[in-house]
Structures are given as structure tokens and as C-alpha cells.
N, C-alpha and C. Protein backbone atom coordinates (compact mmCIF):
# COMPACT_ATOMS: atom_id res chain seq x y z
N UNK A 1 143.21 87.62 76.40
CA UNK A 1 142.80 86.24 76.53
C UNK A 1 141.73 85.92 75.50
N UNK A 2 141.78 84.71 75.01
CA UNK A 2 140.81 84.23 74.04
C UNK A 2 139.79 83.36 74.75
N UNK A 3 138.52 83.54 74.38
CA UNK A 3 137.45 82.74 74.94
C UNK A 3 136.70 82.05 73.81
N UNK A 4 136.41 80.77 73.97
CA UNK A 4 135.65 80.01 72.98
C UNK A 4 134.18 80.41 73.09
N UNK A 5 133.62 80.89 72.00
CA UNK A 5 132.23 81.33 72.00
C UNK A 5 131.25 80.19 72.25
N UNK A 6 131.64 78.96 71.88
CA UNK A 6 130.73 77.83 72.01
C UNK A 6 130.71 77.22 73.41
N UNK A 7 131.90 77.02 74.01
CA UNK A 7 131.93 76.33 75.31
C UNK A 7 132.29 77.24 76.48
N UNK A 8 132.75 78.47 76.18
CA UNK A 8 133.07 79.42 77.23
C UNK A 8 134.47 79.28 77.82
N UNK A 9 135.28 78.36 77.31
CA UNK A 9 136.63 78.17 77.84
C UNK A 9 137.46 79.42 77.54
N UNK A 10 138.19 79.90 78.55
CA UNK A 10 139.08 81.04 78.39
C UNK A 10 140.52 80.58 78.52
N UNK A 11 141.32 80.90 77.53
CA UNK A 11 142.75 80.58 77.54
C UNK A 11 143.43 81.56 78.50
N UNK A 12 143.89 81.07 79.64
CA UNK A 12 144.64 81.87 80.60
C UNK A 12 145.99 81.17 80.78
N UNK A 13 147.00 81.68 80.10
CA UNK A 13 148.30 81.01 80.08
C UNK A 13 148.95 80.94 81.45
N UNK A 14 148.55 81.81 82.37
CA UNK A 14 149.11 81.75 83.72
C UNK A 14 148.63 80.51 84.48
N UNK A 15 147.55 79.89 84.01
CA UNK A 15 147.00 78.70 84.67
C UNK A 15 147.55 77.39 84.09
N UNK A 16 148.47 77.49 83.15
CA UNK A 16 149.01 76.27 82.51
C UNK A 16 149.53 75.24 83.52
N UNK A 17 150.24 75.64 84.58
CA UNK A 17 150.72 74.62 85.52
C UNK A 17 149.60 73.83 86.22
N UNK A 18 148.38 74.31 86.20
CA UNK A 18 147.25 73.60 86.81
C UNK A 18 146.60 72.61 85.84
N UNK A 19 147.02 72.61 84.59
CA UNK A 19 146.41 71.75 83.58
C UNK A 19 146.53 70.26 83.90
N UNK A 20 147.66 69.77 84.45
CA UNK A 20 147.71 68.33 84.70
C UNK A 20 146.54 67.80 85.54
N UNK A 21 146.22 68.46 86.63
CA UNK A 21 145.11 68.01 87.47
C UNK A 21 143.78 68.15 86.74
N UNK A 22 143.61 69.25 86.03
CA UNK A 22 142.36 69.47 85.28
C UNK A 22 142.18 68.45 84.17
N UNK A 23 143.26 68.12 83.48
CA UNK A 23 143.18 67.14 82.39
C UNK A 23 142.80 65.76 82.93
N UNK A 24 143.39 65.38 84.04
CA UNK A 24 143.02 64.09 84.64
C UNK A 24 141.56 64.07 85.07
N UNK A 25 141.12 65.14 85.66
CA UNK A 25 139.72 65.24 86.11
C UNK A 25 138.75 65.19 84.94
N UNK A 26 139.06 65.91 83.89
CA UNK A 26 138.20 65.91 82.70
C UNK A 26 138.16 64.55 82.04
N UNK A 27 139.30 63.90 81.94
CA UNK A 27 139.34 62.57 81.34
C UNK A 27 138.53 61.59 82.18
N UNK A 28 138.61 61.70 83.49
CA UNK A 28 137.80 60.85 84.37
C UNK A 28 136.31 61.08 84.13
N UNK A 29 135.93 62.34 83.96
CA UNK A 29 134.52 62.66 83.72
C UNK A 29 134.04 62.03 82.41
N UNK A 30 134.83 62.16 81.36
CA UNK A 30 134.44 61.56 80.07
C UNK A 30 134.41 60.05 80.19
N UNK A 31 135.39 59.46 80.85
CA UNK A 31 135.40 58.01 81.03
C UNK A 31 134.12 57.56 81.74
N UNK A 32 133.67 58.33 82.70
CA UNK A 32 132.42 58.00 83.39
C UNK A 32 131.21 58.04 82.46
N UNK A 33 131.22 58.94 81.51
CA UNK A 33 130.12 59.03 80.55
C UNK A 33 130.07 57.82 79.63
N UNK A 34 131.19 57.13 79.49
CA UNK A 34 131.24 55.97 78.60
C UNK A 34 130.59 54.72 79.21
N UNK A 35 129.96 54.87 80.35
CA UNK A 35 129.18 53.77 80.94
C UNK A 35 127.76 53.73 80.38
N UNK A 36 127.42 54.68 79.53
CA UNK A 36 126.09 54.70 78.91
C UNK A 36 125.93 53.48 78.00
N UNK A 37 124.74 53.27 77.55
CA UNK A 37 124.41 52.17 76.64
C UNK A 37 125.30 52.27 75.39
N UNK A 38 126.01 51.18 75.01
CA UNK A 38 126.90 51.22 73.85
C UNK A 38 126.23 51.71 72.56
N UNK A 39 124.98 51.33 72.34
CA UNK A 39 124.30 51.79 71.11
C UNK A 39 124.15 53.31 71.11
N UNK A 40 123.90 53.88 72.27
CA UNK A 40 123.78 55.34 72.39
C UNK A 40 125.14 55.99 72.17
N UNK A 41 126.17 55.38 72.72
CA UNK A 41 127.53 55.93 72.58
C UNK A 41 128.01 55.90 71.13
N UNK A 42 127.52 54.97 70.34
CA UNK A 42 127.96 54.83 68.95
C UNK A 42 127.11 55.63 67.96
N UNK A 43 125.99 56.16 68.41
CA UNK A 43 125.04 56.84 67.52
C UNK A 43 125.50 58.27 67.21
N UNK A 44 125.57 58.56 65.92
CA UNK A 44 125.85 59.93 65.46
C UNK A 44 124.51 60.68 65.32
N UNK A 45 124.43 61.91 65.81
CA UNK A 45 123.21 62.67 65.66
C UNK A 45 123.00 63.17 64.22
N UNK A 46 124.09 63.23 63.47
CA UNK A 46 124.06 63.64 62.06
C UNK A 46 125.29 63.02 61.41
N UNK A 47 125.25 62.80 60.11
CA UNK A 47 126.40 62.13 59.45
C UNK A 47 127.74 62.83 59.67
N UNK A 48 127.73 64.14 59.82
CA UNK A 48 128.99 64.88 59.95
C UNK A 48 129.31 65.26 61.40
N UNK A 49 128.59 64.67 62.37
CA UNK A 49 128.84 64.93 63.79
C UNK A 49 129.24 63.62 64.45
N UNK A 50 130.37 63.62 65.13
CA UNK A 50 130.86 62.42 65.78
C UNK A 50 129.91 61.95 66.88
N UNK A 51 129.94 60.67 67.13
CA UNK A 51 129.20 60.07 68.25
C UNK A 51 129.98 60.33 69.55
N UNK A 52 129.34 60.13 70.71
CA UNK A 52 130.08 60.27 71.97
C UNK A 52 131.32 59.38 72.04
N UNK A 53 131.23 58.16 71.56
CA UNK A 53 132.38 57.26 71.58
C UNK A 53 133.50 57.78 70.67
N UNK A 54 133.13 58.29 69.51
CA UNK A 54 134.14 58.85 68.60
C UNK A 54 134.83 60.06 69.22
N UNK A 55 134.06 60.92 69.90
CA UNK A 55 134.67 62.06 70.60
C UNK A 55 135.64 61.57 71.67
N UNK A 56 135.26 60.55 72.42
CA UNK A 56 136.12 60.03 73.47
C UNK A 56 137.41 59.46 72.88
N UNK A 57 137.31 58.73 71.78
CA UNK A 57 138.50 58.21 71.11
C UNK A 57 139.39 59.35 70.64
N UNK A 58 138.78 60.40 70.10
CA UNK A 58 139.55 61.57 69.67
C UNK A 58 140.30 62.18 70.85
N UNK A 59 139.63 62.32 71.99
CA UNK A 59 140.28 62.90 73.17
C UNK A 59 141.46 62.05 73.62
N UNK A 60 141.29 60.73 73.62
CA UNK A 60 142.38 59.82 73.98
C UNK A 60 143.59 60.05 73.07
N UNK A 61 143.34 60.03 71.77
CA UNK A 61 144.43 60.17 70.81
C UNK A 61 145.05 61.57 70.86
N UNK A 62 144.21 62.58 71.05
CA UNK A 62 144.70 63.96 71.14
C UNK A 62 145.65 64.11 72.33
N UNK A 63 145.31 63.52 73.47
CA UNK A 63 146.18 63.60 74.64
C UNK A 63 147.53 62.94 74.36
N UNK A 64 147.52 61.81 73.68
CA UNK A 64 148.77 61.13 73.35
C UNK A 64 149.61 61.96 72.37
N UNK A 65 148.96 62.54 71.38
CA UNK A 65 149.67 63.38 70.40
C UNK A 65 150.23 64.63 71.09
N UNK A 66 149.44 65.25 71.95
CA UNK A 66 149.91 66.46 72.63
C UNK A 66 151.10 66.15 73.53
N UNK A 67 151.09 65.00 74.17
CA UNK A 67 152.23 64.59 74.99
C UNK A 67 153.49 64.51 74.13
N UNK A 68 153.38 63.89 72.97
CA UNK A 68 154.53 63.78 72.07
C UNK A 68 155.00 65.16 71.62
N UNK A 69 154.08 66.07 71.43
CA UNK A 69 154.45 67.43 71.02
C UNK A 69 155.21 68.14 72.13
N UNK A 70 154.79 67.95 73.37
CA UNK A 70 155.50 68.54 74.51
C UNK A 70 156.92 67.97 74.57
N UNK A 71 157.03 66.66 74.45
CA UNK A 71 158.36 66.03 74.51
C UNK A 71 159.25 66.52 73.37
N UNK A 72 158.68 66.69 72.18
CA UNK A 72 159.46 67.19 71.04
C UNK A 72 159.95 68.61 71.31
N UNK A 73 159.08 69.44 71.87
CA UNK A 73 159.46 70.83 72.14
C UNK A 73 160.54 70.93 73.22
N UNK A 74 160.63 69.93 74.07
CA UNK A 74 161.69 69.92 75.09
C UNK A 74 163.04 69.52 74.50
N UNK A 75 163.04 68.72 73.45
CA UNK A 75 164.33 68.24 72.93
C UNK A 75 164.76 68.94 71.65
N UNK A 76 163.83 69.61 70.96
CA UNK A 76 164.15 70.29 69.70
C UNK A 76 163.81 71.76 69.81
N UNK A 77 164.48 72.57 69.03
CA UNK A 77 164.15 74.00 68.99
C UNK A 77 163.02 74.23 68.00
N UNK A 78 161.90 74.66 68.48
CA UNK A 78 160.72 75.05 67.70
C UNK A 78 160.32 73.99 66.66
N UNK A 79 160.00 72.78 67.11
CA UNK A 79 159.54 71.76 66.15
C UNK A 79 158.17 72.12 65.59
N UNK A 80 157.82 71.50 64.49
CA UNK A 80 156.50 71.70 63.89
C UNK A 80 155.57 70.60 64.39
N UNK A 81 154.44 71.00 64.92
CA UNK A 81 153.41 70.05 65.37
C UNK A 81 152.55 69.71 64.15
N UNK A 82 152.92 68.64 63.49
CA UNK A 82 152.17 68.24 62.29
C UNK A 82 150.74 67.86 62.66
N UNK A 83 149.78 68.09 61.77
CA UNK A 83 148.39 67.72 62.05
C UNK A 83 148.28 66.23 62.39
N UNK A 84 147.40 65.89 63.31
CA UNK A 84 147.25 64.51 63.77
C UNK A 84 146.32 63.68 62.89
N UNK A 85 145.69 64.30 61.89
CA UNK A 85 144.77 63.56 61.04
C UNK A 85 143.51 63.17 61.79
N UNK A 86 142.96 64.10 62.53
CA UNK A 86 141.83 63.81 63.41
C UNK A 86 140.65 63.18 62.69
N UNK A 87 140.29 63.69 61.55
CA UNK A 87 139.13 63.15 60.84
C UNK A 87 139.43 61.78 60.24
N UNK A 88 140.63 61.58 59.73
CA UNK A 88 141.00 60.30 59.15
C UNK A 88 141.06 59.19 60.20
N UNK A 89 141.46 59.53 61.41
CA UNK A 89 141.58 58.55 62.48
C UNK A 89 140.25 57.88 62.81
N UNK A 90 139.16 58.62 62.66
CA UNK A 90 137.84 58.07 63.00
C UNK A 90 137.60 56.77 62.24
N UNK A 91 137.89 56.78 60.94
CA UNK A 91 137.71 55.58 60.14
C UNK A 91 138.90 54.65 60.20
N UNK A 92 140.11 55.21 60.11
CA UNK A 92 141.31 54.38 60.08
C UNK A 92 141.46 53.54 61.35
N UNK A 93 141.05 54.09 62.48
CA UNK A 93 141.20 53.37 63.75
C UNK A 93 139.88 52.76 64.22
N UNK A 94 138.83 52.91 63.42
CA UNK A 94 137.55 52.29 63.76
C UNK A 94 136.98 52.77 65.08
N UNK A 95 136.98 54.08 65.30
CA UNK A 95 136.51 54.64 66.56
C UNK A 95 135.14 54.10 66.98
N UNK A 96 134.19 54.07 66.06
CA UNK A 96 132.81 53.70 66.42
C UNK A 96 132.67 52.25 66.86
N UNK A 97 133.61 51.40 66.48
CA UNK A 97 133.53 49.99 66.84
C UNK A 97 134.33 49.61 68.07
N UNK A 98 134.98 50.58 68.69
CA UNK A 98 135.81 50.25 69.84
C UNK A 98 134.96 50.01 71.08
N UNK A 99 135.50 49.25 72.01
CA UNK A 99 134.81 48.93 73.25
C UNK A 99 134.85 50.14 74.19
N UNK A 100 133.68 50.65 74.61
CA UNK A 100 133.67 51.84 75.48
C UNK A 100 134.48 51.68 76.77
N UNK A 101 134.46 50.50 77.37
CA UNK A 101 135.24 50.30 78.61
C UNK A 101 136.74 50.40 78.33
N UNK A 102 137.17 49.86 77.19
CA UNK A 102 138.59 49.98 76.81
C UNK A 102 138.95 51.44 76.57
N UNK A 103 138.09 52.16 75.87
CA UNK A 103 138.36 53.57 75.58
C UNK A 103 138.42 54.37 76.87
N UNK A 104 137.53 54.09 77.82
CA UNK A 104 137.53 54.79 79.11
C UNK A 104 138.87 54.60 79.82
N UNK A 105 139.34 53.35 79.87
CA UNK A 105 140.62 53.06 80.52
C UNK A 105 141.78 53.75 79.78
N UNK A 106 141.76 53.66 78.46
CA UNK A 106 142.83 54.26 77.66
C UNK A 106 142.83 55.79 77.78
N UNK A 107 141.65 56.37 77.86
CA UNK A 107 141.54 57.82 78.02
C UNK A 107 142.15 58.27 79.34
N UNK A 108 141.84 57.53 80.40
CA UNK A 108 142.44 57.86 81.71
C UNK A 108 143.96 57.71 81.65
N UNK A 109 144.43 56.65 81.02
CA UNK A 109 145.87 56.43 80.90
C UNK A 109 146.53 57.55 80.09
N UNK A 110 145.91 57.94 78.98
CA UNK A 110 146.46 59.01 78.15
C UNK A 110 146.54 60.32 78.94
N UNK A 111 145.51 60.60 79.75
CA UNK A 111 145.53 61.81 80.58
C UNK A 111 146.65 61.74 81.62
N UNK A 112 146.86 60.57 82.20
CA UNK A 112 147.95 60.41 83.17
C UNK A 112 149.31 60.64 82.50
N UNK A 113 149.49 60.09 81.30
CA UNK A 113 150.75 60.28 80.58
C UNK A 113 150.97 61.75 80.23
N UNK A 114 149.94 62.40 79.71
CA UNK A 114 150.05 63.82 79.36
C UNK A 114 150.34 64.65 80.60
N UNK A 115 149.57 64.42 81.66
CA UNK A 115 149.74 65.19 82.90
C UNK A 115 151.13 64.96 83.48
N UNK A 116 151.60 63.72 83.47
CA UNK A 116 152.93 63.42 83.99
C UNK A 116 154.02 64.16 83.26
N UNK A 117 153.87 64.28 81.96
CA UNK A 117 154.86 65.01 81.16
C UNK A 117 154.84 66.49 81.51
N UNK A 118 153.65 67.06 81.69
CA UNK A 118 153.56 68.47 82.06
C UNK A 118 154.13 68.74 83.44
N UNK A 119 153.90 67.83 84.38
CA UNK A 119 154.38 68.08 85.75
C UNK A 119 155.90 68.08 85.83
N UNK A 120 156.56 67.53 84.82
CA UNK A 120 158.02 67.52 84.82
C UNK A 120 158.63 68.74 84.11
N UNK A 121 157.79 69.66 83.66
CA UNK A 121 158.32 70.86 83.02
C UNK A 121 158.90 71.81 84.06
N UNK A 122 160.05 72.36 83.76
CA UNK A 122 160.64 73.40 84.61
C UNK A 122 159.98 74.73 84.25
N UNK A 123 160.15 75.76 85.07
CA UNK A 123 159.58 77.07 84.70
C UNK A 123 160.02 77.53 83.31
N UNK A 124 161.27 77.29 82.95
CA UNK A 124 161.76 77.69 81.62
C UNK A 124 161.14 76.85 80.52
N UNK A 125 160.89 75.57 80.80
CA UNK A 125 160.30 74.69 79.78
C UNK A 125 158.93 75.18 79.32
N UNK A 126 158.15 75.76 80.23
CA UNK A 126 156.80 76.23 79.87
C UNK A 126 156.85 77.25 78.73
N UNK A 127 157.99 77.93 78.60
CA UNK A 127 158.12 78.96 77.56
C UNK A 127 158.79 78.44 76.29
N UNK A 128 159.12 77.16 76.25
CA UNK A 128 159.64 76.58 75.00
C UNK A 128 158.52 76.64 73.96
N UNK A 129 158.91 76.67 72.71
CA UNK A 129 157.92 76.87 71.64
C UNK A 129 157.93 75.74 70.62
N UNK A 130 156.85 75.71 69.89
CA UNK A 130 156.69 74.83 68.73
C UNK A 130 155.83 75.57 67.73
N UNK A 131 155.86 75.11 66.49
CA UNK A 131 154.99 75.68 65.47
C UNK A 131 153.72 74.85 65.47
N UNK A 132 152.63 75.48 65.83
CA UNK A 132 151.33 74.80 65.87
C UNK A 132 150.61 75.17 64.59
N UNK A 133 150.04 74.20 63.91
CA UNK A 133 149.46 74.47 62.59
C UNK A 133 147.95 74.70 62.61
N UNK A 134 147.33 74.67 63.81
CA UNK A 134 145.88 74.86 63.91
C UNK A 134 145.58 75.88 64.98
N UNK A 135 144.69 76.81 64.80
CA UNK A 135 143.87 77.04 63.62
C UNK A 135 144.63 77.71 62.47
N UNK A 136 145.74 78.37 62.80
CA UNK A 136 146.63 78.85 61.75
C UNK A 136 148.05 78.58 62.20
N UNK A 137 148.96 78.51 61.25
CA UNK A 137 150.36 78.22 61.55
C UNK A 137 150.92 79.38 62.38
N UNK A 138 151.36 79.02 63.61
CA UNK A 138 151.84 80.06 64.52
C UNK A 138 152.76 79.45 65.57
N UNK A 139 153.76 80.21 65.98
CA UNK A 139 154.63 79.76 67.05
C UNK A 139 153.87 79.89 68.38
N UNK A 140 153.86 78.81 69.15
CA UNK A 140 153.12 78.77 70.42
C UNK A 140 154.03 78.24 71.52
N UNK A 141 153.75 78.64 72.76
CA UNK A 141 154.49 78.13 73.91
C UNK A 141 153.83 76.85 74.42
N UNK A 142 154.56 76.14 75.26
CA UNK A 142 153.97 74.97 75.90
C UNK A 142 152.86 75.37 76.86
N UNK A 143 152.89 76.60 77.36
CA UNK A 143 151.77 77.10 78.17
C UNK A 143 150.49 77.09 77.32
N UNK A 144 150.61 77.59 76.10
CA UNK A 144 149.45 77.62 75.21
C UNK A 144 149.01 76.20 74.87
N UNK A 145 149.96 75.32 74.55
CA UNK A 145 149.61 73.95 74.21
C UNK A 145 148.84 73.28 75.36
N UNK A 146 149.28 73.50 76.59
CA UNK A 146 148.58 72.92 77.74
C UNK A 146 147.15 73.46 77.81
N UNK A 147 146.99 74.76 77.66
CA UNK A 147 145.65 75.35 77.72
C UNK A 147 144.79 74.88 76.55
N UNK A 148 145.39 74.76 75.38
CA UNK A 148 144.64 74.30 74.21
C UNK A 148 144.16 72.86 74.41
N UNK A 149 145.00 72.04 75.00
CA UNK A 149 144.62 70.65 75.28
C UNK A 149 143.46 70.60 76.27
N UNK A 150 143.53 71.42 77.30
CA UNK A 150 142.42 71.47 78.26
C UNK A 150 141.15 71.97 77.58
N UNK A 151 141.29 72.95 76.68
CA UNK A 151 140.13 73.43 75.94
C UNK A 151 139.48 72.29 75.16
N UNK A 152 140.29 71.48 74.49
CA UNK A 152 139.75 70.33 73.75
C UNK A 152 138.95 69.42 74.67
N UNK A 153 139.49 69.15 75.85
CA UNK A 153 138.78 68.29 76.81
C UNK A 153 137.46 68.92 77.26
N UNK A 154 137.49 70.19 77.58
CA UNK A 154 136.27 70.89 78.02
C UNK A 154 135.24 70.92 76.90
N UNK A 155 135.67 71.32 75.73
CA UNK A 155 134.77 71.49 74.59
C UNK A 155 134.10 70.17 74.19
N UNK A 156 134.92 69.12 74.08
CA UNK A 156 134.35 67.85 73.62
C UNK A 156 133.57 67.12 74.72
N UNK A 157 133.86 67.41 75.97
CA UNK A 157 133.00 66.88 77.04
C UNK A 157 131.60 67.45 76.86
N UNK A 158 131.53 68.72 76.54
CA UNK A 158 130.23 69.36 76.28
C UNK A 158 129.55 68.71 75.06
N UNK A 159 130.32 68.45 74.01
CA UNK A 159 129.77 67.80 72.82
C UNK A 159 129.18 66.43 73.17
N UNK A 160 129.89 65.67 73.99
CA UNK A 160 129.43 64.34 74.39
C UNK A 160 128.17 64.45 75.23
N UNK A 161 128.19 65.32 76.23
CA UNK A 161 127.03 65.45 77.14
C UNK A 161 125.76 65.85 76.38
N UNK A 162 125.91 66.67 75.36
CA UNK A 162 124.74 67.09 74.58
C UNK A 162 124.03 65.91 73.95
N UNK A 163 124.77 64.86 73.65
CA UNK A 163 124.20 63.71 72.94
C UNK A 163 123.67 62.61 73.86
N UNK A 164 124.02 62.68 75.12
CA UNK A 164 123.60 61.62 76.04
C UNK A 164 122.35 62.02 76.81
N UNK A 165 121.49 61.05 77.13
CA UNK A 165 120.32 61.37 77.93
C UNK A 165 120.74 61.88 79.30
N UNK A 166 119.96 62.79 79.85
CA UNK A 166 120.26 63.32 81.19
C UNK A 166 120.20 62.18 82.20
N UNK A 167 121.19 62.20 83.10
CA UNK A 167 121.19 61.13 84.11
C UNK A 167 120.86 61.65 85.47
């Protein structure tokens, strides 16, 4: 098992079927954090570090992209999960200027869509594969993709909380 040194998340592929509930819960937690003062949510602590709002927008888009990757892996044999352009999206989609309440709602909806897609996987579907290009190009199962998506939610929730005042 792999563990993230920064956030402590451990990839346990046997827990993949529990990801739908965890993803919804994590998205709800982040959406709740978006009730902070908009100026605080838009503030970057450093030029190369995203603001809490930008992290939340990334999580929303990541959930939507991951859902599409799951659907592709169900209909195609070993599709390639092309990079989502995470850094480019920040500017192209104007993450910092988006309304936090809209992002909170969209994040919850994206988590529901992702979770709904996972809950419809059969036991055999969990072992379907795709070529994932991050961190290196490698064939991965949908079990791994589910765990990786949850890791993103856990990790970036921590990133957001670090930037917000204690409540």
C-alpha cells in the first residue's frame, strides 16, 4: 500500500467500494468551508499556491473528469486518461472569480455524479483498467482510480483548511 507523506492518506484498494460515501462526505466538508469570507477564499498565500476557492474549483472539476474516466473504462478497453489540464483550468475557467456558493453547490453535485457512477459498478467492473498518465504512465484499475480520487479530496481539503482561520 502507498501512503501520502504529506496528508497520510493510504491507498487501500479493498476499500474502493466505500469511496462513494466518502467522496460525498468530503465534498460536503469542503462545500461547508466555502462559507468563509470571499476575500479569504480568493487569497493565495503565495503566487504558486492556489487559494481555497481555486482548490475547491479543482476538486469539482476533478470529480467530473474522474467520472468521465470511469465511464470510458466501462465502455472501452484500457482507454487513456488524458491529463485534465489542472493548472490551465485555473485561469481558463477563472477559478478565483467564481462565486463560492455556486462552487459549493457544484462540488456537491459533482460528488453525487461521481459517487453514483461508482455505485453502479459490478464486482468485475472494479477491475477494468485505463492508462493513467499521472504521476507516471501506468495501467490502473478503477479501484485505484476511486482511491486516487478520494486521496485528492482528502489532500486538498487539508490544503484548504491550512489557509482558513480556525473556526
